[in-house]
Amino acid sequence: MKEKPLEDRRKALEEEYFRKESAAKLAKLHAAEERAALGAALGLDQGELLDRLHALGLRAESLDALVHAPFVSVAWADGRLEESEAAAVREALDVAGLEHGTPARELVDRWLAAPPPGLFDAWERFLATAWHRPADAGKRRAAEDLLRGRLRSVAVASGGFAGLGKMSRSEADVLVRVMRAFLDRKGG
């Protein structure tokens, strides 16, 4: 009689093991498919950059989030996020037409709540390596116009008297890096 419970336990453990193995294999397959779709959407076949962007949560359906990474970087430049900065970022996203409930907006909102390490560096690297194709020129100009017009409002949202008119040195540094990244793509 005692053998039946042991046999049942062995079978249950075995089934659990294979269930976990199958789930892990499916997760790896799903991640590989997501990464391939992201690479195709971005026109990238570079492994490291593609891996970095995928690790940041970027997927083919959330590509528009990448353009807005500098907003998160400016808002968090001094190591903390003031509510006025978060509101300025949300307003910039609204003006840009990044609609609530879309995968891109949800990703930027996650980044804003807790920016992943390397977000800004990955954005810069993407701009330097992948966003130079002539087909992207219109998108690039629109992103640059949006960033130029709205990033400063995020940077000054929490500074100065009553939150008006002053930005921290770290915020200014990020703004300079953003504009330099665009200038470098134009050839100086």
Protein backbone atom coordinates (compact mmCIF):
# COMPACT_ATOMS: atom_id res chain seq x y z
CA MET A 1 0.00 0.00 0.00
CA LYS A 2 2.81 2.38 0.74
CA GLU A 3 4.22 1.94 -2.77
CA LYS A 4 1.22 3.55 -4.44
CA PRO A 5 1.68 6.97 -2.76
CA LEU A 6 5.40 6.88 -3.58
CA GLU A 7 4.69 5.98 -7.20
CA ASP A 8 2.09 8.77 -7.41
CA ARG A 9 4.60 11.22 -5.94
CA ARG A 10 7.28 10.13 -8.39
CA LYS A 11 4.92 10.61 -11.32
CA ALA A 12 3.84 14.02 -10.05
CA LEU A 13 7.46 15.15 -9.65
CA GLU A 14 8.33 13.84 -13.09
CA GLU A 15 5.37 15.62 -14.68
CA GLU A 16 6.28 18.85 -12.89
CA TYR A 17 9.86 18.59 -14.12
CA PHE A 18 8.79 18.15 -17.74
CA ARG A 19 6.16 20.89 -17.44
CA LYS A 20 8.89 23.30 -16.23
CA GLU A 21 11.28 22.18 -18.99
CA SER A 22 8.59 22.74 -21.63
CA ALA A 23 7.71 26.15 -20.23
CA ALA A 24 11.37 27.20 -20.25
CA LYS A 25 11.83 26.05 -23.85
CA LEU A 26 8.67 27.88 -24.92
CA ALA A 27 9.84 31.06 -23.16
CA LYS A 28 13.20 30.89 -24.98
CA LEU A 29 11.46 30.31 -28.29
CA HIS A 30 9.08 33.21 -27.65
CA ALA A 31 11.98 35.53 -26.74
CA ALA A 32 13.85 34.52 -29.90
CA GLU A 33 10.74 35.22 -32.00
CA GLU A 34 10.26 38.62 -30.29
CA ARG A 35 13.90 39.50 -30.87
CA ALA A 36 13.71 38.48 -34.53
CA ALA A 37 10.54 40.54 -35.05
CA LEU A 38 12.19 43.52 -33.34
CA GLY A 39 15.27 43.15 -35.53
CA ALA A 40 13.14 42.99 -38.67
CA ALA A 41 11.12 46.04 -37.62
CA LEU A 42 14.27 48.04 -36.87
CA GLY A 43 16.24 46.73 -39.80
CA LEU A 44 18.90 45.51 -37.40
CA ASP A 45 20.81 42.31 -37.48
CA GLN A 46 23.40 43.38 -34.92
CA GLY A 47 23.25 41.01 -32.00
CA GLU A 48 24.45 43.13 -29.09
CA LEU A 49 22.37 46.23 -29.81
CA LEU A 50 19.33 44.14 -30.60
CA ASP A 51 19.83 42.20 -27.36
CA ARG A 52 20.12 45.46 -25.39
CA LEU A 53 16.97 46.93 -26.91
CA HIS A 54 15.05 43.71 -26.33
CA ALA A 55 16.28 43.57 -22.72
CA LEU A 56 14.92 47.10 -22.21
CA GLY A 57 11.47 45.74 -23.02
CA LEU A 58 11.33 47.00 -26.60
CA ARG A 59 9.25 44.86 -28.94
CA ALA A 60 8.16 45.30 -32.55
CA GLU A 61 4.76 46.55 -31.36
CA SER A 62 6.32 49.13 -29.01
CA LEU A 63 8.94 50.66 -31.32
CA ASP A 64 7.62 54.20 -30.86
CA ALA A 65 8.77 54.04 -27.24
CA LEU A 66 12.41 54.22 -28.30
CA VAL A 67 12.07 57.78 -29.62
CA HIS A 68 10.88 58.87 -26.18
CA ALA A 69 13.72 57.34 -24.13
CA PRO A 70 15.44 60.76 -23.78
CA PHE A 71 12.39 62.12 -21.89
CA VAL A 72 12.89 59.44 -19.26
CA SER A 73 16.62 60.13 -19.16
CA VAL A 74 16.14 63.88 -18.66
CA ALA A 75 13.47 63.37 -16.00
CA TRP A 76 15.72 60.99 -14.06
CA ALA A 77 19.02 62.80 -14.77
CA ASP A 78 19.46 63.90 -11.17
CA GLY A 79 18.64 60.44 -9.81
CA ARG A 80 15.05 61.11 -8.80
CA LEU A 81 11.73 61.83 -10.46
CA GLU A 82 9.67 64.79 -9.32
CA GLU A 83 5.93 64.67 -9.98
CA SER A 84 6.26 67.85 -12.06
CA GLU A 85 8.83 66.10 -14.28
CA ALA A 86 6.61 63.04 -14.66
CA ALA A 87 3.71 65.32 -15.61
CA ALA A 88 5.89 67.11 -18.16
CA VAL A 89 6.92 63.77 -19.69
CA ARG A 90 3.30 62.60 -19.85
CA GLU A 91 2.30 65.87 -21.51
CA ALA A 92 5.10 65.48 -24.07
CA LEU A 93 3.93 61.94 -24.80
CA ASP A 94 0.37 63.18 -25.25
CA VAL A 95 1.53 65.95 -27.61
CA ALA A 96 3.55 63.37 -29.56
CA GLY A 97 0.41 61.28 -29.96
CA LEU A 98 1.67 58.32 -27.96
CA GLU A 99 -1.74 57.06 -26.91
CA HIS A 100 -2.60 55.59 -23.52
CA GLY A 101 -2.98 51.83 -23.55
CA THR A 102 -0.66 51.24 -26.49
CA PRO A 103 2.36 48.98 -26.00
CA ALA A 104 4.71 51.91 -26.67
CA ARG A 105 3.05 54.16 -24.09
CA GLU A 106 2.95 51.40 -21.51
CA LEU A 107 6.66 50.76 -22.03
CA VAL A 108 7.58 54.44 -21.65
CA ASP A 109 5.41 54.59 -18.52
CA ARG A 110 7.33 51.57 -17.11
CA TRP A 111 10.63 53.25 -17.97
CA LEU A 112 9.43 56.45 -16.32
CA ALA A 113 8.50 54.60 -13.13
CA ALA A 114 11.82 52.74 -12.99
CA PRO A 115 14.31 53.52 -15.74
CA PRO A 116 16.34 50.49 -16.75
CA PRO A 117 20.12 50.83 -16.64
CA GLY A 118 21.57 51.67 -20.02
CA LEU A 119 18.38 53.08 -21.53
CA PHE A 120 19.92 56.33 -22.76
CA ASP A 121 23.11 54.63 -23.94
CA ALA A 122 21.06 52.13 -25.96
CA TRP A 123 19.07 55.01 -27.50
CA GLU A 124 22.31 56.78 -28.45
CA ARG A 125 23.77 53.61 -29.89
CA PHE A 126 20.63 52.93 -31.88
CA LEU A 127 20.71 56.45 -33.27
CA ALA A 128 24.38 56.08 -34.18
CA THR A 129 24.15 52.69 -35.85
CA ALA A 130 20.68 52.14 -37.18
CA TRP A 131 18.80 55.35 -37.67
CA HIS A 132 20.78 56.70 -40.57
CA ARG A 133 18.85 55.18 -43.47
CA PRO A 134 17.29 57.68 -45.89
CA ALA A 135 13.91 56.01 -45.34
CA ASP A 136 14.05 57.12 -41.72
CA ALA A 137 14.76 60.80 -42.50
CA GLY A 138 11.18 62.00 -41.94
CA LYS A 139 10.83 60.03 -38.73
CA ARG A 140 14.21 61.31 -37.55
CA ARG A 141 13.27 64.95 -38.21
CA ALA A 142 9.93 64.53 -36.42
CA ALA A 143 11.64 62.93 -33.41
CA GLU A 144 14.28 65.65 -33.30
CA ASP A 145 11.63 68.39 -33.48
CA LEU A 146 9.63 66.73 -30.71
CA LEU A 147 12.66 66.28 -28.50
CA ARG A 148 14.01 69.75 -29.11
CA GLY A 149 10.63 71.29 -28.35
CA ARG A 150 9.71 69.25 -25.30
CA LEU A 151 12.84 68.04 -23.53
CA ARG A 152 13.63 71.44 -22.05
CA SER A 153 10.15 71.61 -20.51
CA VAL A 154 10.84 68.30 -18.75
CA ALA A 155 14.26 69.51 -17.58
CA VAL A 156 12.95 72.73 -16.04
CA ALA A 157 9.77 71.18 -14.60
CA SER A 158 11.17 70.79 -11.09
CA GLY A 159 13.78 73.55 -10.95
CA GLY A 160 13.86 77.21 -10.02
CA PHE A 161 11.33 79.26 -8.11
CA ALA A 162 7.98 77.46 -7.99
CA GLY A 163 9.34 74.94 -10.46
CA LEU A 164 9.90 77.50 -13.21
CA GLY A 165 12.92 78.19 -15.29
CA LYS A 166 15.89 76.31 -13.92
CA MET A 167 17.39 72.93 -14.67
CA SER A 168 20.02 70.91 -12.90
CA ARG A 169 23.48 70.41 -14.34
CA SER A 170 22.77 66.71 -14.90
CA GLU A 171 19.59 67.54 -16.84
CA ALA A 172 21.50 70.05 -18.97
CA ASP A 173 24.15 67.40 -19.65
CA VAL A 174 21.52 64.96 -20.93
CA LEU A 175 20.00 67.65 -23.15
CA VAL A 176 23.41 68.36 -24.65
CA ARG A 177 23.96 64.64 -25.27
CA VAL A 178 20.60 64.35 -27.04
CA MET A 179 21.25 67.28 -29.33
CA ARG A 180 24.80 66.15 -29.98
CA ALA A 181 23.52 62.69 -30.91
CA PHE A 182 21.27 64.23 -33.55
CA LEU A 183 23.97 66.59 -34.81
CA ASP A 184 26.44 63.71 -35.09
CA ARG A 185 23.94 61.85 -37.28
CA LYS A 186 23.78 64.85 -39.63
CA GLY A 187 27.51 64.83 -40.07
CA GLY A 188 28.36 67.60 -37.64
